[in-house]
Protein backbone atom coordinates (compact mmCIF):
# COMPACT_ATOMS: atom_id res chain seq x y z
CA UNK A 1 49.03 30.15 -20.83
CA UNK A 2 47.68 31.56 -24.10
CA UNK A 3 46.60 29.72 -27.23
CA UNK A 4 46.64 31.93 -30.34
CA UNK A 5 46.37 31.53 -34.10
CA UNK A 6 49.72 31.73 -35.91
CA UNK A 7 49.50 34.57 -38.45
CA UNK A 8 45.78 33.94 -38.95
CA UNK A 9 46.29 30.30 -39.96
CA UNK A 10 44.36 27.32 -38.61
CA UNK A 11 47.46 26.27 -36.62
CA UNK A 12 47.67 27.64 -33.07
CA UNK A 13 50.61 28.30 -30.77
CA UNK A 14 50.50 27.46 -27.08
CA UNK A 15 52.43 30.27 -25.38
CA UNK A 16 53.86 30.55 -21.87
CA UNK A 17 53.50 26.84 -21.16
CA UNK A 18 56.87 25.15 -20.46
CA UNK A 19 56.26 21.44 -20.89
CA UNK A 20 59.18 20.48 -18.65
CA UNK A 21 57.11 21.71 -15.69
CA UNK A 22 54.04 19.85 -14.37
CA UNK A 23 50.96 20.82 -16.39
CA UNK A 24 47.90 21.58 -14.26
CA UNK A 25 44.78 19.69 -15.32
CA UNK A 26 42.91 22.84 -16.39
CA UNK A 27 45.80 23.70 -18.74
CA UNK A 28 45.99 20.11 -20.00
CA UNK A 29 42.25 20.15 -20.71
CA UNK A 30 42.59 23.47 -22.57
CA UNK A 31 45.45 22.03 -24.68
CA UNK A 32 43.43 18.91 -25.54
CA UNK A 33 40.39 21.03 -26.46
CA UNK A 34 42.47 23.32 -28.68
CA UNK A 35 44.12 20.33 -30.33
CA UNK A 36 40.74 18.80 -31.10
CA UNK A 37 39.44 22.07 -32.55
CA UNK A 38 42.42 23.19 -34.62
CA UNK A 39 44.35 20.02 -35.53
CA UNK A 40 47.85 21.57 -35.21
CA UNK A 41 49.41 23.03 -32.04
CA UNK A 42 52.90 24.54 -31.78
CA UNK A 43 54.98 24.76 -28.58
CA UNK A 44 58.18 26.75 -29.12
CA UNK A 45 61.54 26.69 -27.34
CA UNK A 46 60.92 23.63 -25.20
CA UNK A 47 63.77 21.74 -23.51
CA UNK A 48 62.55 18.20 -23.03
CA UNK A 49 64.00 14.83 -22.12
CA UNK A 50 62.52 11.70 -23.69
CA UNK A 51 60.80 11.01 -20.37
CA UNK A 52 59.15 14.44 -20.60
CA UNK A 53 58.18 13.77 -24.23
CA UNK A 54 56.51 10.58 -23.06
CA UNK A 55 54.71 12.48 -20.29
CA UNK A 56 53.40 14.95 -22.87
CA UNK A 57 52.21 12.11 -25.11
CA UNK A 58 50.34 10.57 -22.19
CA UNK A 59 48.68 13.93 -21.51
CA UNK A 60 47.31 13.99 -25.08
CA UNK A 61 46.35 10.32 -25.42
CA UNK A 62 48.08 6.94 -25.34
CA UNK A 63 51.51 6.78 -27.03
CA UNK A 64 51.86 4.00 -29.59
CA UNK A 65 54.75 1.94 -30.96
CA UNK A 66 55.99 2.56 -34.48
CA UNK A 67 56.44 -0.31 -36.93
CA UNK A 68 60.09 0.43 -37.80
CA UNK A 69 62.04 -1.00 -34.86
CA UNK A 70 65.30 0.44 -36.20
CA UNK A 71 63.98 3.98 -35.73
CA UNK A 72 63.26 3.65 -32.00
CA UNK A 73 65.14 5.57 -29.31
CA UNK A 74 65.76 4.94 -25.59
CA UNK A 75 62.03 4.87 -24.88
CA UNK A 76 60.28 2.60 -27.41
CA UNK A 77 57.51 5.17 -27.91
CA UNK A 78 60.05 7.76 -29.12
CA UNK A 79 61.12 7.60 -32.77
CA UNK A 80 64.26 9.14 -34.27
CA UNK A 81 64.13 10.94 -37.64
CA UNK A 82 67.53 12.14 -38.83
CA UNK A 83 70.21 12.12 -41.49
CA UNK A 84 72.89 11.25 -38.94
CA UNK A 85 74.89 8.02 -38.73
CA UNK A 86 76.42 6.19 -35.80
CA UNK A 87 80.14 5.36 -35.39
CA UNK A 88 79.67 2.27 -37.52
CA UNK A 89 78.14 4.26 -40.36
CA UNK A 90 74.61 2.97 -39.78
CA UNK A 91 71.67 5.34 -40.18
CA UNK A 92 70.20 6.77 -36.97
CA UNK A 93 66.45 6.73 -37.39
CA UNK A 94 64.84 7.33 -40.74
CA UNK A 95 63.87 9.67 -43.59
CA UNK A 96 67.34 11.27 -43.96
CA UNK A 97 67.26 14.63 -45.82
CA UNK A 98 64.87 13.98 -48.70
CA UNK A 99 61.69 15.89 -49.47
CA UNK A 100 58.37 14.32 -48.44
CA UNK A 101 55.30 15.17 -50.51
CA UNK A 102 51.83 15.77 -49.09
CA UNK A 103 50.67 12.77 -47.07
CA UNK A 104 49.05 11.66 -43.83
CA UNK A 105 50.58 9.01 -41.57
CA UNK A 106 49.20 5.49 -41.19
CA UNK A 107 46.18 5.92 -43.51
CA UNK A 108 47.01 2.46 -44.90
CA UNK A 109 46.15 0.79 -41.57
CA UNK A 110 42.71 -0.51 -40.66
CA UNK A 111 42.81 1.52 -37.43
CA UNK A 112 45.25 4.42 -37.95
CA UNK A 113 47.01 6.03 -35.00
CA UNK A 114 46.13 9.64 -35.76
CA UNK A 115 47.92 11.71 -33.10
CA UNK A 116 51.55 12.65 -33.76
CA UNK A 117 54.21 15.17 -32.77
CA UNK A 118 57.69 16.18 -33.86
CA UNK A 119 60.25 17.68 -31.50
CA UNK A 120 63.23 19.50 -33.00
CA UNK A 121 66.63 18.79 -31.41
CA UNK A 122 69.17 19.68 -34.11
CA UNK A 123 68.06 21.49 -37.25
CA UNK A 124 69.59 22.54 -40.59
CA UNK A 125 70.35 26.19 -41.31
CA UNK A 126 68.33 26.04 -44.51
CA UNK A 127 65.52 23.85 -45.82
CA UNK A 128 63.53 21.28 -43.88
CA UNK A 129 60.37 23.40 -43.53
CA UNK A 130 57.31 21.31 -42.62
CA UNK A 131 53.85 22.30 -43.85
CA UNK A 132 50.39 21.24 -42.73
CA UNK A 133 47.04 21.79 -44.42
CA UNK A 134 43.64 21.61 -42.72
CA UNK A 135 41.25 18.98 -44.05
CA UNK A 136 38.45 20.57 -42.02
CA UNK A 137 38.90 23.85 -43.88
CA UNK A 138 39.28 21.97 -47.13
CA UNK A 139 35.94 20.17 -46.71
CA UNK A 140 34.12 23.26 -45.49
CA UNK A 141 35.19 25.24 -48.57
CA UNK A 142 34.57 22.51 -51.16
CA UNK A 143 32.65 23.59 -54.26
CA UNK A 144 29.21 22.01 -54.31
CA UNK A 145 29.99 19.54 -57.09
CA UNK A 146 33.13 18.28 -55.33
CA UNK A 147 31.28 17.89 -52.03
CA UNK A 148 28.56 15.89 -53.79
CA UNK A 149 31.17 13.65 -55.42
CA UNK A 150 33.12 12.90 -52.27
CA UNK A 151 30.38 12.60 -49.61
CA UNK A 152 29.79 8.90 -49.04
CA UNK A 153 32.77 7.90 -51.21
CA UNK A 154 35.07 5.08 -50.10
CA UNK A 155 38.74 4.95 -51.09
CA UNK A 156 41.26 2.12 -51.21
CA UNK A 157 44.40 3.01 -49.24
CA UNK A 158 47.51 1.05 -50.20
CA UNK A 159 50.83 0.85 -48.37
CA UNK A 160 52.27 -0.94 -51.41
CA UNK A 161 51.37 2.08 -53.56
CA UNK A 162 52.97 4.47 -51.08
CA UNK A 163 56.32 2.71 -50.91
CA UNK A 164 56.22 2.25 -54.67
CA UNK A 165 56.43 6.03 -55.05
CA UNK A 166 59.53 6.25 -52.87
CA UNK A 167 62.99 6.70 -54.43
CA UNK A 168 64.89 3.43 -54.86
CA UNK A 169 67.44 4.12 -52.13
CA UNK A 170 68.25 2.94 -48.64
CA UNK A 171 65.83 4.87 -46.48
CA UNK A 172 66.04 2.46 -43.55
CA UNK A 173 62.56 0.96 -44.03
CA UNK A 174 62.00 -2.77 -43.56
CA UNK A 175 59.80 -2.78 -46.65
CA UNK A 176 59.39 -6.52 -47.09
CA UNK A 177 58.11 -7.00 -43.54
CA UNK A 178 55.85 -3.94 -43.72
CA UNK A 179 54.35 -5.02 -47.07
CA UNK A 180 53.58 -8.49 -45.72
CA UNK A 181 51.84 -7.02 -42.67
CA UNK A 182 49.93 -4.21 -44.40
CA UNK A 183 47.26 -5.23 -46.91
CA UNK A 184 45.14 -2.60 -48.69
CA UNK A 185 42.28 -1.13 -46.63
CA UNK A 186 39.18 0.95 -47.36
CA UNK A 187 38.27 4.19 -45.55
CA UNK A 188 35.63 6.87 -46.21
CA UNK A 189 36.99 9.96 -47.98
CA UNK A 190 34.95 12.13 -45.59
CA UNK A 191 34.87 11.52 -41.84
CA UNK A 192 32.75 13.06 -39.09
CA UNK A 193 34.15 14.22 -35.77
CA UNK A 194 32.32 12.65 -32.78
CA UNK A 195 30.30 15.08 -30.72
CA UNK A 196 30.56 18.08 -33.05
CA UNK A 197 29.52 16.65 -36.42
CA UNK A 198 32.31 18.54 -38.22
CA UNK A 199 33.38 16.88 -41.45
CA UNK A 200 36.94 16.50 -42.72
CA UNK A 201 38.31 15.19 -45.98
CA UNK A 202 40.46 12.09 -45.68
CA UNK A 203 42.77 11.84 -48.66
CA UNK A 204 46.36 10.68 -48.93
CA UNK A 205 48.18 11.28 -52.24
CA UNK A 206 50.20 8.28 -53.47
CA UNK A 207 48.31 6.05 -51.03
CA UNK A 208 44.68 6.22 -52.24
CA UNK A 209 44.64 4.10 -55.40
CA UNK A 210 40.94 4.11 -56.23
CA UNK A 211 37.38 4.98 -55.24
CA UNK A 212 34.69 2.33 -55.00
CA UNK A 213 32.32 2.37 -57.97
CA UNK A 214 34.21 5.11 -59.84
CA UNK A 215 36.18 4.45 -63.07
CA UNK A 216 39.91 4.81 -62.52
CA UNK A 217 40.38 7.88 -64.72
CA UNK A 218 37.49 9.68 -63.02
CA UNK A 219 38.77 8.68 -59.58
CA UNK A 220 42.27 9.94 -60.40
CA UNK A 221 40.83 13.26 -61.62
CA UNK A 222 38.68 13.66 -58.52
CA UNK A 223 41.58 12.92 -56.17
CA UNK A 224 43.80 15.41 -58.03
CA UNK A 225 41.12 18.10 -57.74
CA UNK A 226 40.63 17.39 -54.02
CA UNK A 227 44.37 17.66 -53.36
CA UNK A 228 44.65 20.91 -55.33
CA UNK A 229 41.75 22.35 -53.36
CA UNK A 230 42.99 21.11 -49.99
CA UNK A 231 46.49 22.56 -50.41
CA UNK A 232 45.50 26.08 -51.40
CA UNK A 233 47.61 28.64 -49.50
CA UNK A 234 44.61 29.73 -47.39
CA UNK A 235 44.48 26.21 -45.90
CA UNK A 236 48.24 25.78 -45.26
CA UNK A 237 50.54 26.48 -42.31
CA UNK A 238 54.31 26.47 -42.98
CA UNK A 239 56.57 25.85 -39.98
CA UNK A 240 60.18 27.04 -40.05
CA UNK A 241 61.79 25.08 -37.26
CA UNK A 242 63.65 26.46 -34.29
CA UNK A 243 65.50 24.41 -31.64
CA UNK A 244 63.08 22.99 -29.09
CA UNK A 245 59.96 23.43 -31.23
CA UNK A 246 57.30 20.77 -30.67
CA UNK A 247 54.48 20.49 -33.22
CA UNK A 248 51.47 18.30 -32.43
CA UNK A 249 48.99 17.31 -35.16
CA UNK A 250 46.02 15.09 -35.93
CA UNK A 251 46.59 12.89 -38.98
CA UNK A 252 42.84 12.39 -39.49
CA UNK A 253 42.30 16.11 -40.10
CA UNK A 254 45.50 17.42 -41.73
CA UNK A 255 48.01 16.55 -44.44
CA UNK A 256 51.68 17.42 -44.08
CA UNK A 257 54.85 17.58 -46.19
CA UNK A 258 58.54 18.36 -45.70
CA UNK A 259 61.10 20.21 -47.76
CA UNK A 260 64.47 18.60 -48.38
CA UNK A 261 67.59 20.07 -46.82
CA UNK A 262 71.31 19.87 -47.71
CA UNK A 263 72.89 16.49 -47.10
CA UNK A 264 75.79 18.23 -45.38
CA UNK A 265 73.44 19.75 -42.78
CA UNK A 266 72.50 17.90 -39.62
CA UNK A 267 68.92 17.25 -38.55
CA UNK A 268 67.70 15.29 -35.55
CA UNK A 269 64.01 15.26 -34.73
CA UNK A 270 62.12 13.07 -32.26
CA UNK A 271 58.65 11.83 -33.09
CA UNK A 272 55.79 10.09 -31.32
CA UNK A 273 52.52 8.58 -32.50
CA UNK A 274 49.56 8.83 -30.11
CA UNK A 275 46.28 6.94 -29.93
CA UNK A 276 43.56 9.57 -29.47
CA UNK A 277 40.23 9.30 -27.65
CA UNK A 278 37.75 7.92 -30.24
CA UNK A 279 34.87 9.66 -28.46
CA UNK A 280 36.47 13.06 -29.21
CA UNK A 281 38.61 12.53 -32.31
CA UNK A 282 38.12 11.06 -35.76
CA UNK A 283 39.58 7.56 -36.05
CA UNK A 284 38.99 6.69 -39.73
CA UNK A 285 36.81 3.57 -39.86
CA UNK A 286 37.43 0.61 -42.10
CA UNK A 287 34.61 -0.01 -44.57
């Protein structure tokens, strides 16, 4: 097994490690260590059942259950994302074919589940690229005045704001239930990784609606500048999907986005959220 940077980016590929075979503990430990260090790992050309996806999730942490019950697959820890429909015309899973702007998952929860992976089953011929940007690299390269402004800052993260930015169409979310269960929360805009002391930005466009003690116009300007800095090309990894690709990422230390793809194309991707070890990974605290 080899773990190598992809084209010099922060994302790393795990090579010569078929996940359908038992993973020796020394390899599992190396994968977990690389995941902690880099934030995005890519495993190409895997052929995995949902049982094997669940086994992989348990190797990384503790798989969690997603809030949208209509998106769940045979195993409740496995989520379906697709633009397909069943024989009755009902959507299979969620998110269809639309573009998704830069975001991080579950930042609007008091205790976000930060581990996540996508596994490509059926993919469009064009479009659908997924990009990730490193919030470790973003913090480490912050200009001095931005670092001074964001260190110690606390943001308000709002699920209501996030869904308010969504197009007014059927995207298979149970919005009323989710809104009732998800009040606004506050998290630091900079978090520290346990054990290493590394710092990472924690921003989420369209979800962070304000910064404690900062006038709204100044907060909006600061958040815009942080996003522009974080998503510079030097910080970004773009993944063009191939069948069987599995991409694992840490939502506390990266942002991600997705390109749209033609409605006539088919896309089926399986997803899992994973509770990570809080002694080794950032779990954004509630303030």
